[in-house]
N, C-alpha and C. Protein backbone atom coordinates (compact mmCIF):
# COMPACT_ATOMS: atom_id res chain seq x y z
N MET A 1 0.84 -1.19 0.00
CA MET A 1 0.00 0.00 0.00
C MET A 1 0.88 1.25 0.00
N GLU A 2 0.40 2.28 -0.65
CA GLU A 2 1.12 3.55 -0.72
C GLU A 2 0.19 4.69 -0.33
N ILE A 3 0.79 5.76 0.18
CA ILE A 3 0.03 6.97 0.48
C ILE A 3 -0.63 7.47 -0.79
N ASP A 4 -1.82 8.00 -0.67
CA ASP A 4 -2.64 8.55 -1.76
C ASP A 4 -3.34 7.50 -2.60
N ASN A 5 -3.13 6.20 -2.33
CA ASN A 5 -3.89 5.19 -3.06
C ASN A 5 -5.36 5.32 -2.70
N VAL A 6 -6.22 5.07 -3.67
CA VAL A 6 -7.66 5.17 -3.49
C VAL A 6 -8.23 3.75 -3.57
N TYR A 7 -9.10 3.41 -2.61
CA TYR A 7 -9.72 2.09 -2.54
C TYR A 7 -11.23 2.23 -2.55
N LYS A 8 -11.92 1.23 -3.14
CA LYS A 8 -13.37 1.25 -3.21
C LYS A 8 -13.93 -0.08 -2.73
N CYS A 9 -15.02 0.00 -1.98
CA CYS A 9 -15.75 -1.20 -1.58
C CYS A 9 -16.67 -1.60 -2.72
N GLU A 10 -16.52 -2.83 -3.19
CA GLU A 10 -17.33 -3.32 -4.30
C GLU A 10 -18.76 -3.66 -3.87
N VAL A 11 -19.04 -3.65 -2.55
CA VAL A 11 -20.38 -3.96 -2.05
C VAL A 11 -21.20 -2.68 -1.89
N CYS A 12 -20.72 -1.74 -1.07
CA CYS A 12 -21.50 -0.54 -0.75
C CYS A 12 -21.07 0.71 -1.51
N GLY A 13 -19.87 0.69 -2.11
CA GLY A 13 -19.40 1.84 -2.88
C GLY A 13 -18.58 2.84 -2.09
N ASN A 14 -18.32 2.58 -0.79
CA ASN A 14 -17.46 3.48 -0.03
C ASN A 14 -16.12 3.63 -0.73
N ILE A 15 -15.57 4.85 -0.71
CA ILE A 15 -14.27 5.13 -1.30
C ILE A 15 -13.41 5.77 -0.21
N VAL A 16 -12.16 5.28 -0.07
CA VAL A 16 -11.23 5.84 0.90
C VAL A 16 -9.89 6.10 0.23
N GLU A 17 -9.17 7.11 0.74
CA GLU A 17 -7.82 7.41 0.28
C GLU A 17 -6.87 7.17 1.44
N LEU A 18 -5.79 6.47 1.20
CA LEU A 18 -4.83 6.16 2.23
C LEU A 18 -3.96 7.38 2.51
N VAL A 19 -3.99 7.87 3.75
CA VAL A 19 -3.18 9.03 4.12
C VAL A 19 -2.01 8.66 5.02
N HIS A 20 -2.03 7.44 5.56
CA HIS A 20 -0.93 6.95 6.39
C HIS A 20 -0.88 5.43 6.26
N VAL A 21 0.29 4.91 5.95
CA VAL A 21 0.45 3.46 5.82
C VAL A 21 0.74 2.88 7.18
N GLY A 22 -0.15 2.02 7.67
CA GLY A 22 0.03 1.42 8.97
C GLY A 22 0.09 -0.09 8.91
N GLY A 23 -0.09 -0.64 7.72
CA GLY A 23 -0.10 -2.09 7.58
C GLY A 23 -1.51 -2.62 7.61
N GLY A 24 -1.65 -3.90 7.41
CA GLY A 24 -2.97 -4.51 7.41
C GLY A 24 -3.66 -4.39 6.08
N GLU A 25 -4.92 -4.79 6.07
CA GLU A 25 -5.72 -4.81 4.86
C GLU A 25 -6.95 -3.93 5.06
N LEU A 26 -7.30 -3.15 4.05
CA LEU A 26 -8.50 -2.34 4.13
C LEU A 26 -9.70 -3.22 3.79
N VAL A 27 -10.67 -3.28 4.72
CA VAL A 27 -11.83 -4.14 4.57
C VAL A 27 -13.09 -3.32 4.80
N CYS A 28 -14.10 -3.57 3.98
CA CYS A 28 -15.41 -2.92 4.13
C CYS A 28 -16.46 -3.96 3.77
N CYS A 29 -17.55 -3.99 4.48
CA CYS A 29 -18.64 -4.95 4.23
C CYS A 29 -18.13 -6.38 4.24
N GLY A 30 -17.10 -6.64 5.05
CA GLY A 30 -16.57 -7.98 5.19
C GLY A 30 -15.67 -8.44 4.06
N GLN A 31 -15.35 -7.54 3.12
CA GLN A 31 -14.51 -7.90 1.98
C GLN A 31 -13.35 -6.91 1.83
N PRO A 32 -12.21 -7.37 1.29
CA PRO A 32 -11.10 -6.44 1.03
C PRO A 32 -11.55 -5.37 0.04
N MET A 33 -11.12 -4.14 0.29
CA MET A 33 -11.44 -3.05 -0.63
C MET A 33 -10.53 -3.16 -1.86
N LYS A 34 -11.03 -2.70 -3.00
CA LYS A 34 -10.30 -2.82 -4.26
C LYS A 34 -9.52 -1.54 -4.55
N LEU A 35 -8.21 -1.72 -4.81
CA LEU A 35 -7.37 -0.59 -5.20
C LEU A 35 -7.86 -0.05 -6.54
N GLN A 36 -8.04 1.27 -6.61
CA GLN A 36 -8.43 1.92 -7.85
C GLN A 36 -7.15 2.34 -8.58
N GLU A 37 -6.80 1.60 -9.61
CA GLU A 37 -5.59 1.89 -10.38
C GLU A 37 -5.75 3.22 -11.10
N GLU A 38 -4.71 4.04 -11.09
CA GLU A 38 -4.74 5.31 -11.81
C GLU A 38 -4.56 5.04 -13.30
N LYS A 39 -5.55 5.43 -14.09
CA LYS A 39 -5.47 5.27 -15.55
C LYS A 39 -4.99 6.59 -16.15
N SER A 40 -4.27 6.50 -17.24
CA SER A 40 -3.79 7.73 -17.86
C SER A 40 -4.11 7.81 -19.35
N GLY A 41 -4.51 6.71 -19.96
CA GLY A 41 -4.90 6.74 -21.37
C GLY A 41 -6.40 6.91 -21.48
N GLU A 42 -6.85 7.41 -22.59
CA GLU A 42 -8.30 7.58 -22.79
C GLU A 42 -8.89 6.29 -23.32
N GLU A 43 -10.16 6.05 -22.99
CA GLU A 43 -10.87 4.90 -23.53
C GLU A 43 -12.33 5.29 -23.73
N GLY A 44 -12.92 4.79 -24.79
CA GLY A 44 -14.31 5.11 -25.05
C GLY A 44 -14.50 6.52 -25.57
N THR A 45 -15.75 6.95 -25.63
CA THR A 45 -16.05 8.28 -26.17
C THR A 45 -15.95 9.37 -25.12
N GLU A 46 -16.16 9.01 -23.84
CA GLU A 46 -16.03 10.01 -22.79
C GLU A 46 -14.55 10.23 -22.50
N LYS A 47 -14.19 11.44 -22.21
CA LYS A 47 -12.80 11.77 -21.91
C LYS A 47 -12.67 11.94 -20.40
N HIS A 48 -11.68 11.27 -19.79
CA HIS A 48 -11.53 11.24 -18.34
C HIS A 48 -10.23 11.85 -17.84
N LYS A 49 -9.25 11.95 -18.66
CA LYS A 49 -7.92 12.36 -18.24
C LYS A 49 -7.90 13.83 -17.83
N PRO A 50 -7.44 14.14 -16.60
CA PRO A 50 -7.33 15.54 -16.19
C PRO A 50 -6.26 16.26 -17.00
N VAL A 51 -6.59 17.46 -17.44
CA VAL A 51 -5.66 18.27 -18.23
C VAL A 51 -5.42 19.57 -17.46
N ILE A 52 -4.15 19.87 -17.19
CA ILE A 52 -3.77 21.09 -16.46
C ILE A 52 -3.51 22.18 -17.49
N THR A 53 -4.30 23.28 -17.38
CA THR A 53 -4.19 24.39 -18.32
C THR A 53 -4.10 25.70 -17.56
N LYS A 54 -3.96 26.79 -18.29
CA LYS A 54 -4.01 28.14 -17.72
C LYS A 54 -5.00 28.96 -18.51
N ASP A 55 -5.73 29.85 -17.80
CA ASP A 55 -6.65 30.72 -18.50
C ASP A 55 -5.91 31.97 -18.98
N GLU A 56 -6.66 32.95 -19.48
CA GLU A 56 -6.04 34.16 -20.04
C GLU A 56 -5.27 34.98 -19.01
N LYS A 57 -5.60 34.84 -17.72
CA LYS A 57 -4.87 35.55 -16.66
C LYS A 57 -3.66 34.75 -16.17
N GLY A 58 -3.55 33.50 -16.64
CA GLY A 58 -2.47 32.65 -16.18
C GLY A 58 -2.87 31.79 -14.99
N CYS A 59 -4.15 31.81 -14.63
CA CYS A 59 -4.66 31.02 -13.51
C CYS A 59 -4.74 29.55 -13.91
N VAL A 60 -4.25 28.66 -13.05
CA VAL A 60 -4.24 27.23 -13.35
C VAL A 60 -5.63 26.64 -13.19
N ILE A 61 -6.04 25.87 -14.20
CA ILE A 61 -7.34 25.20 -14.20
C ILE A 61 -7.11 23.74 -14.58
N VAL A 62 -7.74 22.83 -13.84
CA VAL A 62 -7.70 21.41 -14.18
C VAL A 62 -9.06 21.06 -14.78
N LYS A 63 -9.05 20.65 -16.05
CA LYS A 63 -10.27 20.25 -16.74
C LYS A 63 -10.23 18.74 -16.95
N VAL A 64 -11.38 18.10 -16.86
CA VAL A 64 -11.44 16.66 -17.07
C VAL A 64 -11.79 16.39 -18.52
N GLY A 65 -10.80 15.88 -19.25
CA GLY A 65 -10.96 15.54 -20.65
C GLY A 65 -10.65 16.68 -21.60
N SER A 66 -10.22 16.31 -22.79
CA SER A 66 -9.99 17.31 -23.82
C SER A 66 -11.31 17.90 -24.28
N VAL A 67 -12.38 17.12 -24.10
CA VAL A 67 -13.77 17.56 -24.29
C VAL A 67 -14.42 17.30 -22.94
N ASP A 68 -15.24 18.23 -22.46
CA ASP A 68 -15.84 18.07 -21.13
C ASP A 68 -16.47 16.70 -20.94
N HIS A 69 -16.15 16.08 -19.81
CA HIS A 69 -16.74 14.80 -19.43
C HIS A 69 -18.23 15.00 -19.15
N PRO A 70 -19.11 14.03 -19.49
CA PRO A 70 -20.53 14.16 -19.16
C PRO A 70 -20.72 14.33 -17.65
N MET A 71 -21.69 15.12 -17.27
CA MET A 71 -22.02 15.33 -15.87
C MET A 71 -23.52 15.05 -15.70
N GLU A 72 -23.85 13.76 -15.78
CA GLU A 72 -25.24 13.31 -15.71
C GLU A 72 -25.46 12.57 -14.39
N GLU A 73 -26.70 12.39 -13.98
CA GLU A 73 -27.03 11.75 -12.70
C GLU A 73 -26.37 10.38 -12.54
N ASP A 74 -26.30 9.61 -13.60
CA ASP A 74 -25.76 8.25 -13.49
C ASP A 74 -24.30 8.14 -13.96
N HIS A 75 -23.70 9.23 -14.41
CA HIS A 75 -22.32 9.20 -14.93
C HIS A 75 -21.72 10.60 -14.81
N TYR A 76 -20.80 10.75 -13.86
CA TYR A 76 -20.21 12.07 -13.66
C TYR A 76 -18.86 11.96 -12.93
N ILE A 77 -18.13 13.05 -12.92
CA ILE A 77 -16.88 13.15 -12.18
C ILE A 77 -17.24 13.51 -10.75
N GLU A 78 -16.85 12.66 -9.79
CA GLU A 78 -17.18 12.90 -8.38
C GLU A 78 -16.25 13.92 -7.74
N TRP A 79 -14.96 13.88 -8.12
CA TRP A 79 -14.02 14.85 -7.57
C TRP A 79 -12.81 15.01 -8.48
N ILE A 80 -12.17 16.17 -8.34
CA ILE A 80 -10.94 16.50 -9.06
C ILE A 80 -9.96 16.98 -8.01
N GLU A 81 -8.70 16.59 -8.13
CA GLU A 81 -7.69 17.10 -7.22
C GLU A 81 -6.45 17.52 -7.99
N ALA A 82 -5.76 18.50 -7.43
CA ALA A 82 -4.50 18.98 -7.99
C ALA A 82 -3.47 18.92 -6.87
N SER A 83 -2.24 18.54 -7.23
CA SER A 83 -1.21 18.34 -6.20
C SER A 83 0.10 19.01 -6.58
N THR A 84 0.75 19.55 -5.56
CA THR A 84 2.10 20.10 -5.73
C THR A 84 3.14 19.05 -5.37
N GLY A 85 2.71 17.93 -4.83
CA GLY A 85 3.61 16.92 -4.31
C GLY A 85 3.65 16.98 -2.79
N GLU A 86 3.40 18.17 -2.25
CA GLU A 86 3.36 18.38 -0.80
C GLU A 86 1.97 18.74 -0.32
N LYS A 87 1.18 19.36 -1.19
CA LYS A 87 -0.15 19.83 -0.83
C LYS A 87 -1.13 19.40 -1.93
N THR A 88 -2.32 18.99 -1.51
CA THR A 88 -3.36 18.57 -2.46
C THR A 88 -4.61 19.39 -2.22
N ILE A 89 -5.21 19.84 -3.32
CA ILE A 89 -6.47 20.58 -3.27
C ILE A 89 -7.50 19.73 -4.01
N ARG A 90 -8.62 19.45 -3.36
CA ARG A 90 -9.66 18.60 -3.97
C ARG A 90 -10.98 19.36 -4.01
N LYS A 91 -11.68 19.20 -5.13
CA LYS A 91 -13.00 19.78 -5.29
C LYS A 91 -13.98 18.65 -5.57
N TYR A 92 -15.06 18.57 -4.76
CA TYR A 92 -16.10 17.57 -4.95
C TYR A 92 -17.16 18.15 -5.87
N LEU A 93 -17.65 17.32 -6.79
CA LEU A 93 -18.60 17.77 -7.81
C LEU A 93 -19.91 17.00 -7.72
N SER A 94 -20.94 17.59 -8.28
CA SER A 94 -22.22 16.91 -8.43
C SER A 94 -22.57 16.95 -9.92
N PRO A 95 -23.57 16.18 -10.34
CA PRO A 95 -23.88 16.10 -11.77
C PRO A 95 -24.15 17.42 -12.47
N LYS A 96 -24.57 18.45 -11.76
CA LYS A 96 -24.86 19.73 -12.41
C LYS A 96 -23.62 20.60 -12.60
N ASP A 97 -22.49 20.23 -11.98
CA ASP A 97 -21.28 21.04 -12.03
C ASP A 97 -20.48 20.85 -13.32
N LYS A 98 -19.65 21.83 -13.61
CA LYS A 98 -18.71 21.73 -14.73
C LYS A 98 -17.52 20.90 -14.25
N PRO A 99 -17.01 19.97 -15.06
CA PRO A 99 -15.92 19.10 -14.61
C PRO A 99 -14.55 19.79 -14.66
N GLU A 100 -14.38 20.79 -13.79
CA GLU A 100 -13.10 21.49 -13.72
C GLU A 100 -12.86 22.07 -12.34
N LEU A 101 -11.58 22.31 -12.05
CA LEU A 101 -11.13 22.90 -10.80
C LEU A 101 -10.26 24.09 -11.13
N SER A 102 -10.67 25.27 -10.67
CA SER A 102 -9.87 26.47 -10.85
C SER A 102 -9.12 26.73 -9.57
N LEU A 103 -7.79 26.79 -9.64
CA LEU A 103 -7.00 26.99 -8.44
C LEU A 103 -7.19 28.39 -7.87
N CYS A 104 -7.57 29.36 -8.68
CA CYS A 104 -7.84 30.70 -8.16
C CYS A 104 -9.02 30.67 -7.20
N ASP A 105 -10.00 29.80 -7.45
CA ASP A 105 -11.15 29.67 -6.56
C ASP A 105 -10.76 29.11 -5.20
N CYS A 106 -9.62 28.44 -5.13
CA CYS A 106 -9.21 27.76 -3.91
C CYS A 106 -8.34 28.61 -3.01
N VAL A 107 -8.07 29.84 -3.40
CA VAL A 107 -7.21 30.71 -2.58
C VAL A 107 -7.91 32.04 -2.31
N ASP A 108 -9.18 31.96 -1.88
CA ASP A 108 -9.98 33.14 -1.56
C ASP A 108 -10.08 34.12 -2.72
N GLY A 109 -10.17 33.60 -3.90
CA GLY A 109 -10.25 34.45 -5.09
C GLY A 109 -8.87 34.93 -5.48
N CYS A 110 -8.65 35.09 -6.74
CA CYS A 110 -7.34 35.48 -7.25
C CYS A 110 -7.08 36.96 -7.00
N LYS A 111 -5.98 37.25 -6.35
CA LYS A 111 -5.59 38.63 -6.09
C LYS A 111 -4.30 38.97 -6.83
N CYS A 112 -3.96 38.13 -7.81
CA CYS A 112 -2.71 38.31 -8.54
C CYS A 112 -2.82 39.34 -9.65
N GLY A 113 -4.03 39.71 -10.00
CA GLY A 113 -4.19 40.65 -11.11
C GLY A 113 -4.04 39.95 -12.45
N ASP A 114 -3.39 40.61 -13.39
CA ASP A 114 -3.26 40.07 -14.74
C ASP A 114 -2.18 39.01 -14.87
N ASP A 115 -1.34 38.83 -13.87
CA ASP A 115 -0.27 37.84 -13.94
C ASP A 115 -0.42 36.85 -12.79
N CYS A 116 -1.43 36.00 -12.87
CA CYS A 116 -1.77 35.08 -11.79
C CYS A 116 -0.70 34.01 -11.60
N SER A 117 -0.34 33.77 -10.35
CA SER A 117 0.61 32.68 -10.06
C SER A 117 -0.05 31.60 -9.20
N CYS A 118 -1.35 31.71 -8.96
CA CYS A 118 -2.07 30.70 -8.18
C CYS A 118 -1.94 29.35 -8.86
N GLY A 119 -1.53 28.36 -8.14
CA GLY A 119 -1.44 27.02 -8.68
C GLY A 119 -0.27 26.78 -9.60
N SER A 120 0.67 27.73 -9.68
CA SER A 120 1.78 27.58 -10.62
C SER A 120 2.70 26.42 -10.28
N ASN A 121 2.63 25.89 -9.06
CA ASN A 121 3.49 24.77 -8.67
C ASN A 121 2.76 23.43 -8.71
N ILE A 122 1.61 23.36 -9.37
CA ILE A 122 0.87 22.11 -9.51
C ILE A 122 1.65 21.19 -10.45
N VAL A 123 1.89 19.95 -9.99
CA VAL A 123 2.65 19.00 -10.80
C VAL A 123 1.81 17.84 -11.32
N SER A 124 0.66 17.58 -10.70
CA SER A 124 -0.18 16.48 -11.16
C SER A 124 -1.63 16.71 -10.76
N ALA A 125 -2.51 15.98 -11.42
CA ALA A 125 -3.94 16.08 -11.12
C ALA A 125 -4.57 14.70 -11.28
N ARG A 126 -5.66 14.47 -10.52
CA ARG A 126 -6.43 13.23 -10.62
C ARG A 126 -7.90 13.58 -10.63
N ALA A 127 -8.69 12.69 -11.22
CA ALA A 127 -10.15 12.84 -11.24
C ALA A 127 -10.77 11.47 -11.06
N TYR A 128 -11.94 11.43 -10.41
CA TYR A 128 -12.62 10.16 -10.17
C TYR A 128 -13.99 10.17 -10.82
N CYS A 129 -14.19 9.24 -11.77
CA CYS A 129 -15.47 9.06 -12.46
C CYS A 129 -16.25 7.97 -11.74
N ASN A 130 -17.52 8.21 -11.45
CA ASN A 130 -18.31 7.23 -10.71
C ASN A 130 -18.49 5.92 -11.48
N LYS A 131 -18.30 5.91 -12.79
CA LYS A 131 -18.43 4.69 -13.58
C LYS A 131 -17.10 4.08 -14.00
N HIS A 132 -16.11 4.92 -14.25
CA HIS A 132 -14.87 4.43 -14.85
C HIS A 132 -13.63 4.58 -13.98
N GLY A 133 -13.81 5.01 -12.73
CA GLY A 133 -12.71 5.01 -11.77
C GLY A 133 -11.79 6.21 -11.81
N LEU A 134 -10.53 5.96 -11.41
CA LEU A 134 -9.54 7.00 -11.13
C LEU A 134 -8.65 7.26 -12.35
N TRP A 135 -8.45 8.53 -12.66
CA TRP A 135 -7.64 8.95 -13.80
C TRP A 135 -6.61 9.96 -13.35
N LYS A 136 -5.45 9.96 -13.97
CA LYS A 136 -4.39 10.91 -13.62
C LYS A 136 -3.90 11.65 -14.85
N SER A 137 -3.35 12.82 -14.61
CA SER A 137 -2.78 13.63 -15.68
C SER A 137 -1.40 13.06 -16.05
N ASP A 138 -0.84 13.58 -17.14
CA ASP A 138 0.52 13.18 -17.53
C ASP A 138 1.54 13.69 -16.55
C-alpha cells in the first residue's frame, strides 16, 4: 500500500484514500477493498484524463478531458484534485457542475491581477469518475 492510493468497496461503494500506511488490509462490508488503479490513457467516447491548463490571466485550471466529461445523474466526475507533491487541493462535484477545478477559486479568489501565479506549482492532477474510476494527468 502507498500513500494517496484510493480504494473502493465493491459492495456498498465506499471510497477511501490512504493518508498513512500502517499495515494490514482495508476491509469494508466484510470484503477487502479494491485498489483503484490510476489510468492515464483515454478509452471510449467520454474523456476522463485531467488536463492542467491556464486561462487568459495565467490562472491554473484542471479540466477533465480534452472535451468536457458528461455530468449526468448516473455518470459524472465525483471529484478532481491537484497536487504540488506536498499539498493537495480537492473539489467535490455533483452532476450539475462543470468538470473542472480552478486553483484561483481555492485561494480566496485570485488577487494576482493580470499575472496570476495561483497554482503555478501544480505538478499532477487526478479525477474520479463514478463509472470508470480513477484517472491521472501526464
